[in-house]
Amino acid sequence: MLITFSSNSFFEQERQGTMTESIKMRTMETAYQAIKEMDPDTAITRWAIRQAVSGGYIPSRRVGNKYLFNLDTLLDYFNVKAS
């Protein structure tokens, strides 16, 4: 008997081309800058972003020394309304 598992992760959907919206992949620093542009008085810090990503709360992919992740997923995690 063969058992297979289907992965519906974010990156699997991206690889298969099933994502219909544009994907905004960012590093921690560029994500922080984007959030600061949206809200200059934000309480979200670089450290909070780092903890969310490295802690596995945000799906990410490590490329070299950097983590790449979807900015929209990060905003959803912090429940930030993008304008």
PDB file of N, CA and C in Angstrom:
ATOM      1  N   MET A   1       0.847  -1.171   0.000  1.00  0.00           N
ATOM      2  CA  MET A   1       0.000   0.000   0.000  1.00  0.00           C
ATOM      3  C   MET A   1       0.893   1.234   0.000  1.00  0.00           C
ATOM      4  N   LEU A   2       0.630   2.173  -0.891  1.00  0.00           N
ATOM      5  CA  LEU A   2       1.403   3.396  -1.012  1.00  0.00           C
ATOM      6  C   LEU A   2       0.603   4.553  -0.431  1.00  0.00           C
ATOM      7  N   ILE A   3       1.205   5.268   0.481  1.00  0.00           N
ATOM      8  CA  ILE A   3       0.558   6.432   1.088  1.00  0.00           C
ATOM      9  C   ILE A   3       1.314   7.662   0.629  1.00  0.00           C
ATOM     10  N   THR A   4       0.596   8.624   0.088  1.00  0.00           N
ATOM     11  CA  THR A   4       1.212   9.877  -0.329  1.00  0.00           C
ATOM     12  C   THR A   4       0.582  11.019   0.439  1.00  0.00           C
ATOM     13  N   PHE A   5       1.383  12.024   0.652  1.00  0.00           N
ATOM     14  CA  PHE A   5       0.911  13.212   1.355  1.00  0.00           C
ATOM     15  C   PHE A   5       0.929  14.382   0.398  1.00  0.00           C
ATOM     16  N   SER A   6      -0.105  15.172   0.440  1.00  0.00           N
ATOM     17  CA  SER A   6      -0.186  16.351  -0.403  1.00  0.00           C
ATOM     18  C   SER A   6       0.121  17.574   0.439  1.00  0.00           C
ATOM     19  N   SER A   7       1.052  18.382  -0.024  1.00  0.00           N
ATOM     20  CA  SER A   7       1.417  19.601   0.697  1.00  0.00           C
ATOM     21  C   SER A   7       0.760  20.790   0.010  1.00  0.00           C
ATOM     22  N   ASN A   8      -0.015  21.529   0.749  1.00  0.00           N
ATOM     23  CA  ASN A   8      -0.654  22.736   0.216  1.00  0.00           C
ATOM     24  C   ASN A   8      -0.008  23.975   0.792  1.00  0.00           C
ATOM     25  N   SER A   9       1.276  23.882   1.084  1.00  0.00           N
ATOM     26  CA  SER A   9       1.960  25.020   1.672  1.00  0.00           C
ATOM     27  C   SER A   9       2.041  26.163   0.670  1.00  0.00           C
ATOM     28  N   PHE A  10       2.344  27.318   1.194  1.00  0.00           N
ATOM     29  CA  PHE A  10       2.469  28.513   0.368  1.00  0.00           C
ATOM     30  C   PHE A  10       3.488  28.319  -0.742  1.00  0.00           C
ATOM     31  N   PHE A  11       4.660  27.780  -0.402  1.00  0.00           N
ATOM     32  CA  PHE A  11       5.719  27.638  -1.387  1.00  0.00           C
ATOM     33  C   PHE A  11       5.400  26.555  -2.409  1.00  0.00           C
ATOM     34  N   GLU A  12       4.681  25.520  -2.004  1.00  0.00           N
ATOM     35  CA  GLU A  12       4.268  24.474  -2.946  1.00  0.00           C
ATOM     36  C   GLU A  12       3.281  25.049  -3.961  1.00  0.00           C
ATOM     37  N   GLN A  13       2.348  25.866  -3.508  1.00  0.00           N
ATOM     38  CA  GLN A  13       1.393  26.497  -4.417  1.00  0.00           C
ATOM     39  C   GLN A  13       2.108  27.439  -5.365  1.00  0.00           C
ATOM     40  N   GLU A  14       3.102  28.157  -4.842  1.00  0.00           N
ATOM     41  CA  GLU A  14       3.860  29.081  -5.675  1.00  0.00           C
ATOM     42  C   GLU A  14       4.619  28.321  -6.761  1.00  0.00           C
ATOM     43  N   ARG A  15       5.241  27.203  -6.397  1.00  0.00           N
ATOM     44  CA  ARG A  15       6.015  26.415  -7.350  1.00  0.00           C
ATOM     45  C   ARG A  15       5.125  25.831  -8.437  1.00  0.00           C
ATOM     46  N   GLN A  16       3.908  25.434  -8.096  1.00  0.00           N
ATOM     47  CA  GLN A  16       2.992  24.838  -9.053  1.00  0.00           C
ATOM     48  C   GLN A  16       2.279  25.886  -9.905  1.00  0.00           C
ATOM     49  N   GLY A  17       2.441  27.156  -9.564  1.00  0.00           N
ATOM     50  CA  GLY A  17       1.808  28.217 -10.333  1.00  0.00           C
ATOM     51  C   GLY A  17       0.333  28.366 -10.036  1.00  0.00           C
ATOM     52  N   THR A  18      -0.124  27.923  -8.860  1.00  0.00           N
ATOM     53  CA  THR A  18      -1.535  28.036  -8.527  1.00  0.00           C
ATOM     54  C   THR A  18      -1.856  29.321  -7.781  1.00  0.00           C
ATOM     55  N   MET A  19      -0.845  30.138  -7.499  1.00  0.00           N
ATOM     56  CA  MET A  19      -1.088  31.422  -6.841  1.00  0.00           C
ATOM     57  C   MET A  19      -1.561  32.406  -7.911  1.00  0.00           C
ATOM     58  N   THR A  20      -2.686  33.043  -7.679  1.00  0.00           N
ATOM     59  CA  THR A  20      -3.243  33.930  -8.695  1.00  0.00           C
ATOM     60  C   THR A  20      -2.890  35.385  -8.450  1.00  0.00           C
ATOM     61  N   GLU A  21      -2.532  35.748  -7.232  1.00  0.00           N
ATOM     62  CA  GLU A  21      -2.198  37.132  -6.957  1.00  0.00           C
ATOM     63  C   GLU A  21      -0.693  37.317  -6.986  1.00  0.00           C
ATOM     64  N   SER A  22      -0.260  38.572  -7.086  1.00  0.00           N
ATOM     65  CA  SER A  22       1.176  38.814  -7.116  1.00  0.00           C
ATOM     66  C   SER A  22       1.775  38.551  -5.736  1.00  0.00           C
ATOM     67  N   ILE A  23       2.938  37.972  -5.726  1.00  0.00           N
ATOM     68  CA  ILE A  23       3.602  37.613  -4.488  1.00  0.00           C
ATOM     69  C   ILE A  23       4.671  38.656  -4.204  1.00  0.00           C
ATOM     70  N   LYS A  24       4.644  39.198  -3.006  1.00  0.00           N
ATOM     71  CA  LYS A  24       5.589  40.233  -2.602  1.00  0.00           C
ATOM     72  C   LYS A  24       6.603  39.617  -1.644  1.00  0.00           C
ATOM     73  N   MET A  25       7.642  39.006  -2.199  1.00  0.00           N
ATOM     74  CA  MET A  25       8.672  38.391  -1.372  1.00  0.00           C
ATOM     75  C   MET A  25       9.625  39.470  -0.884  1.00  0.00           C
ATOM     76  N   ARG A  26       9.913  39.442   0.413  1.00  0.00           N
ATOM     77  CA  ARG A  26      10.756  40.463   1.020  1.00  0.00           C
ATOM     78  C   ARG A  26      11.736  39.836   2.004  1.00  0.00           C
ATOM     79  N   THR A  27      12.785  40.587   2.295  1.00  0.00           N
ATOM     80  CA  THR A  27      13.675  40.243   3.394  1.00  0.00           C
ATOM     81  C   THR A  27      13.130  40.930   4.643  1.00  0.00           C
ATOM     82  N   MET A  28      13.720  40.637   5.788  1.00  0.00           N
ATOM     83  CA  MET A  28      13.247  41.258   7.024  1.00  0.00           C
ATOM     84  C   MET A  28      13.391  42.778   6.983  1.00  0.00           C
ATOM     85  N   GLU A  29      14.503  43.246   6.468  1.00  0.00           N
ATOM     86  CA  GLU A  29      14.746  44.693   6.431  1.00  0.00           C
ATOM     87  C   GLU A  29      13.796  45.396   5.461  1.00  0.00           C
ATOM     88  N   THR A  30      13.599  44.837   4.268  1.00  0.00           N
ATOM     89  CA  THR A  30      12.710  45.499   3.309  1.00  0.00           C
ATOM     90  C   THR A  30      11.252  45.429   3.768  1.00  0.00           C
ATOM     91  N   ALA A  31      10.893  44.373   4.483  1.00  0.00           N
ATOM     92  CA  ALA A  31       9.537  44.292   5.037  1.00  0.00           C
ATOM     93  C   ALA A  31       9.335  45.362   6.102  1.00  0.00           C
ATOM     94  N   TYR A  32      10.342  45.554   6.946  1.00  0.00           N
ATOM     95  CA  TYR A  32      10.254  46.587   7.979  1.00  0.00           C
ATOM     96  C   TYR A  32      10.114  47.966   7.339  1.00  0.00           C
ATOM     97  N   GLN A  33      10.890  48.228   6.303  1.00  0.00           N
ATOM     98  CA  GLN A  33      10.811  49.516   5.610  1.00  0.00           C
ATOM     99  C   GLN A  33       9.426  49.719   4.985  1.00  0.00           C
ATOM    100  N   ALA A  34       8.850  48.668   4.412  1.00  0.00           N
ATOM    101  CA  ALA A  34       7.520  48.770   3.814  1.00  0.00           C
ATOM    102  C   ALA A  34       6.461  49.073   4.871  1.00  0.00           C
ATOM    103  N   ILE A  35       6.575  48.439   6.036  1.00  0.00           N
ATOM    104  CA  ILE A  35       5.621  48.698   7.113  1.00  0.00           C
ATOM    105  C   ILE A  35       5.772  50.124   7.615  1.00  0.00           C
ATOM    106  N   LYS A  36       7.013  50.611   7.739  1.00  0.00           N
ATOM    107  CA  LYS A  36       7.254  51.989   8.180  1.00  0.00           C
ATOM    108  C   LYS A  36       6.690  53.001   7.175  1.00  0.00           C
ATOM    109  N   GLU A  37       6.735  52.676   5.883  1.00  0.00           N
ATOM    110  CA  GLU A  37       6.158  53.564   4.874  1.00  0.00           C
ATOM    111  C   GLU A  37       4.641  53.624   5.010  1.00  0.00           C
ATOM    112  N   MET A  38       4.023  52.478   5.311  1.00  0.00           N
ATOM    113  CA  MET A  38       2.572  52.435   5.489  1.00  0.00           C
ATOM    114  C   MET A  38       2.147  53.186   6.743  1.00  0.00           C
ATOM    115  N   ASP A  39       2.928  53.028   7.816  1.00  0.00           N
ATOM    116  CA  ASP A  39       2.598  53.640   9.103  1.00  0.00           C
ATOM    117  C   ASP A  39       3.886  54.061   9.798  1.00  0.00           C
ATOM    118  N   PRO A  40       4.279  55.324   9.663  1.00  0.00           N
ATOM    119  CA  PRO A  40       5.537  55.786  10.267  1.00  0.00           C
ATOM    120  C   PRO A  40       5.583  55.630  11.791  1.00  0.00           C
ATOM    121  N   ASP A  41       4.431  55.581  12.450  1.00  0.00           N
ATOM    122  CA  ASP A  41       4.386  55.466  13.907  1.00  0.00           C
ATOM    123  C   ASP A  41       4.131  54.036  14.378  1.00  0.00           C
ATOM    124  N   THR A  42       4.382  53.056  13.533  1.00  0.00           N
ATOM    125  CA  THR A  42       4.098  51.666  13.879  1.00  0.00           C
ATOM    126  C   THR A  42       4.897  51.208  15.104  1.00  0.00           C
ATOM    127  N   ALA A  43       4.324  50.301  15.836  1.00  0.00           N
ATOM    128  CA  ALA A  43       5.015  49.714  16.990  1.00  0.00           C
ATOM    129  C   ALA A  43       5.698  48.404  16.619  1.00  0.00           C
ATOM    130  N   ILE A  44       5.529  47.957  15.380  1.00  0.00           N
ATOM    131  CA  ILE A  44       6.173  46.730  14.918  1.00  0.00           C
ATOM    132  C   ILE A  44       7.665  47.005  14.730  1.00  0.00           C
ATOM    133  N   THR A  45       8.488  46.193  15.334  1.00  0.00           N
ATOM    134  CA  THR A  45       9.933  46.393  15.289  1.00  0.00           C
ATOM    135  C   THR A  45      10.601  45.350  14.402  1.00  0.00           C
ATOM    136  N   ARG A  46      11.850  45.606  14.084  1.00  0.00           N
ATOM    137  CA  ARG A  46      12.639  44.628  13.330  1.00  0.00           C
ATOM    138  C   ARG A  46      12.730  43.320  14.118  1.00  0.00           C
ATOM    139  N   TRP A  47      12.885  43.437  15.421  1.00  0.00           N
ATOM    140  CA  TRP A  47      12.997  42.261  16.282  1.00  0.00           C
ATOM    141  C   TRP A  47      11.713  41.422  16.219  1.00  0.00           C
ATOM    142  N   ALA A  48      10.549  42.066  16.228  1.00  0.00           N
ATOM    143  CA  ALA A  48       9.274  41.343  16.154  1.00  0.00           C
ATOM    144  C   ALA A  48       9.153  40.597  14.830  1.00  0.00           C
ATOM    145  N   ILE A  49       9.581  41.221  13.744  1.00  0.00           N
ATOM    146  CA  ILE A  49       9.554  40.564  12.438  1.00  0.00           C
ATOM    147  C   ILE A  49      10.504  39.365  12.442  1.00  0.00           C
ATOM    148  N   ARG A  50      11.706  39.566  12.985  1.00  0.00           N
ATOM    149  CA  ARG A  50      12.694  38.483  13.054  1.00  0.00           C
ATOM    150  C   ARG A  50      12.154  37.301  13.855  1.00  0.00           C
ATOM    151  N   GLN A  51      11.502  37.561  14.983  1.00  0.00           N
ATOM    152  CA  GLN A  51      10.962  36.491  15.817  1.00  0.00           C
ATOM    153  C   GLN A  51       9.830  35.750  15.109  1.00  0.00           C
ATOM    154  N   ALA A  52       8.980  36.481  14.390  1.00  0.00           N
ATOM    155  CA  ALA A  52       7.869  35.848  13.669  1.00  0.00           C
ATOM    156  C   ALA A  52       8.379  34.938  12.555  1.00  0.00           C
ATOM    157  N   VAL A  53       9.411  35.385  11.849  1.00  0.00           N
ATOM    158  CA  VAL A  53       9.946  34.608  10.733  1.00  0.00           C
ATOM    159  C   VAL A  53      10.801  33.440  11.229  1.00  0.00           C
ATOM    160  N   SER A  54      11.774  33.725  12.076  1.00  0.00           N
ATOM    161  CA  SER A  54      12.677  32.658  12.519  1.00  0.00           C
ATOM    162  C   SER A  54      11.970  31.672  13.448  1.00  0.00           C
ATOM    163  N   GLY A  55      10.881  32.102  14.082  1.00  0.00           N
ATOM    164  CA  GLY A  55      10.116  31.207  14.939  1.00  0.00           C
ATOM    165  C   GLY A  55       9.164  30.304  14.177  1.00  0.00           C
ATOM    166  N   GLY A  56       9.038  30.515  12.871  1.00  0.00           N
ATOM    167  CA  GLY A  56       8.192  29.654  12.056  1.00  0.00           C
ATOM    168  C   GLY A  56       6.741  30.087  11.985  1.00  0.00           C
ATOM    169  N   TYR A  57       6.411  31.242  12.532  1.00  0.00           N
ATOM    170  CA  TYR A  57       5.032  31.736  12.463  1.00  0.00           C
ATOM    171  C   TYR A  57       4.690  32.249  11.066  1.00  0.00           C
ATOM    172  N   ILE A  58       5.711  32.645  10.329  1.00  0.00           N
ATOM    173  CA  ILE A  58       5.568  33.114   8.955  1.00  0.00           C
ATOM    174  C   ILE A  58       6.320  32.129   8.065  1.00  0.00           C
ATOM    175  N   PRO A  59       5.673  31.538   7.053  1.00  0.00           N
ATOM    176  CA  PRO A  59       6.400  30.646   6.144  1.00  0.00           C
ATOM    177  C   PRO A  59       7.514  31.420   5.447  1.00  0.00           C
ATOM    178  N   SER A  60       8.695  30.879   5.447  1.00  0.00           N
ATOM    179  CA  SER A  60       9.828  31.576   4.843  1.00  0.00           C
ATOM    180  C   SER A  60      10.752  30.588   4.167  1.00  0.00           C
ATOM    181  N   ARG A  61      11.646  31.136   3.378  1.00  0.00           N
ATOM    182  CA  ARG A  61      12.648  30.336   2.686  1.00  0.00           C
ATOM    183  C   ARG A  61      13.991  31.011   2.935  1.00  0.00           C
ATOM    184  N   ARG A  62      14.942  30.256   3.409  1.00  0.00           N
ATOM    185  CA  ARG A  62      16.264  30.816   3.668  1.00  0.00           C
ATOM    186  C   ARG A  62      17.077  30.763   2.379  1.00  0.00           C
ATOM    187  N   VAL A  63      17.610  31.912   1.991  1.00  0.00           N
ATOM    188  CA  VAL A  63      18.447  32.012   0.801  1.00  0.00           C
ATOM    189  C   VAL A  63      19.750  32.668   1.243  1.00  0.00           C
ATOM    190  N   GLY A  64      20.802  31.884   1.304  1.00  0.00           N
ATOM    191  CA  GLY A  64      22.073  32.396   1.822  1.00  0.00           C
ATOM    192  C   GLY A  64      21.921  32.734   3.293  1.00  0.00           C
ATOM    193  N   ASN A  65      22.226  33.973   3.639  1.00  0.00           N
ATOM    194  CA  ASN A  65      22.107  34.430   5.023  1.00  0.00           C
ATOM    195  C   ASN A  65      20.778  35.100   5.306  1.00  0.00           C
ATOM    196  N   LYS A  66      19.886  35.178   4.327  1.00  0.00           N
ATOM    197  CA  LYS A  66      18.641  35.931   4.480  1.00  0.00           C
ATOM    198  C   LYS A  66      17.425  35.023   4.405  1.00  0.00           C
ATOM    199  N   TYR A  67      16.362  35.469   5.035  1.00  0.00           N
ATOM    200  CA  TYR A  67      15.074  34.806   4.936  1.00  0.00           C
ATOM    201  C   TYR A  67      14.209  35.598   3.976  1.00  0.00           C
ATOM    202  N   LEU A  68      13.518  34.913   3.079  1.00  0.00           N
ATOM    203  CA  LEU A  68      12.544  35.544   2.196  1.00  0.00           C
ATOM    204  C   LEU A  68      11.165  35.040   2.577  1.00  0.00           C
ATOM    205  N   PHE A  69      10.192  35.949   2.588  1.00  0.00           N
ATOM    206  CA  PHE A  69       8.829  35.592   2.949  1.00  0.00           C
ATOM    207  C   PHE A  69       7.874  36.555   2.277  1.00  0.00           C
ATOM    208  N   ASN A  70       6.608  36.187   2.275  1.00  0.00           N
ATOM    209  CA  ASN A  70       5.572  36.987   1.643  1.00  0.00           C
ATOM    210  C   ASN A  70       5.183  38.131   2.573  1.00  0.00           C
ATOM    211  N   LEU A  71       5.267  39.353   2.075  1.00  0.00           N
ATOM    212  CA  LEU A  71       4.926  40.532   2.869  1.00  0.00           C
ATOM    213  C   LEU A  71       3.464  40.499   3.301  1.00  0.00           C
ATOM    214  N   ASP A  72       2.574  40.054   2.424  1.00  0.00           N
ATOM    215  CA  ASP A  72       1.154  40.007   2.773  1.00  0.00           C
ATOM    216  C   ASP A  72       0.887  39.037   3.923  1.00  0.00           C
ATOM    217  N   THR A  73       1.625  37.930   3.962  1.00  0.00           N
ATOM    218  CA  THR A  73       1.488  36.979   5.063  1.00  0.00           C
ATOM    219  C   THR A  73       1.938  37.609   6.367  1.00  0.00           C
ATOM    220  N   LEU A  74       3.020  38.372   6.318  1.00  0.00           N
ATOM    221  CA  LEU A  74       3.501  39.066   7.508  1.00  0.00           C
ATOM    222  C   LEU A  74       2.473  40.081   7.989  1.00  0.00           C
ATOM    223  N   LEU A  75       1.892  40.831   7.067  1.00  0.00           N
ATOM    224  CA  LEU A  75       0.887  41.828   7.441  1.00  0.00           C
ATOM    225  C   LEU A  75      -0.344  41.151   8.038  1.00  0.00           C
ATOM    226  N   ASP A  76      -0.738  40.014   7.479  1.00  0.00           N
ATOM    227  CA  ASP A  76      -1.859  39.260   8.048  1.00  0.00           C
ATOM    228  C   ASP A  76      -1.537  38.788   9.456  1.00  0.00           C
ATOM    229  N   TYR A  77      -0.305  38.346   9.661  1.00  0.00           N
ATOM    230  CA  TYR A  77       0.113  37.865  10.985  1.00  0.00           C
ATOM    231  C   TYR A  77      -0.011  38.984  12.024  1.00  0.00           C
ATOM    232  N   PHE A  78       0.440  40.168  11.652  1.00  0.00           N
ATOM    233  CA  PHE A  78       0.342  41.306  12.565  1.00  0.00           C
ATOM    234  C   PHE A  78      -1.011  42.003  12.460  1.00  0.00           C
ATOM    235  N   ASN A  79      -1.879  41.509  11.577  1.00  0.00           N
ATOM    236  CA  ASN A  79      -3.207  42.058  11.369  1.00  0.00           C
ATOM    237  C   ASN A  79      -3.158  43.543  11.009  1.00  0.00           C
ATOM    238  N   VAL A  80      -2.294  43.861  10.055  1.00  0.00           N
ATOM    239  CA  VAL A  80      -2.113  45.235   9.588  1.00  0.00           C
ATOM    240  C   VAL A  80      -2.912  45.407   8.309  1.00  0.00           C
ATOM    241  N   LYS A  81      -3.660  46.463   8.217  1.00  0.00           N
ATOM    242  CA  LYS A  81      -4.419  46.764   6.994  1.00  0.00           C
ATOM    243  C   LYS A  81      -3.524  47.537   6.033  1.00  0.00           C
ATOM    244  N   ALA A  82      -3.226  46.932   4.875  1.00  0.00           N
ATOM    245  CA  ALA A  82      -2.430  47.592   3.859  1.00  0.00           C
ATOM    246  C   ALA A  82      -3.311  48.556   3.085  1.00  0.00           C
ATOM    247  N   SER A  83      -2.789  49.728   2.806  1.00  0.00           N
ATOM    248  CA  SER A  83      -3.608  50.717   2.077  1.00  0.00           C
ATOM    249  C   SER A  83      -3.341  50.676   0.606  1.00  0.00           C
TER     250      SER A  83
END
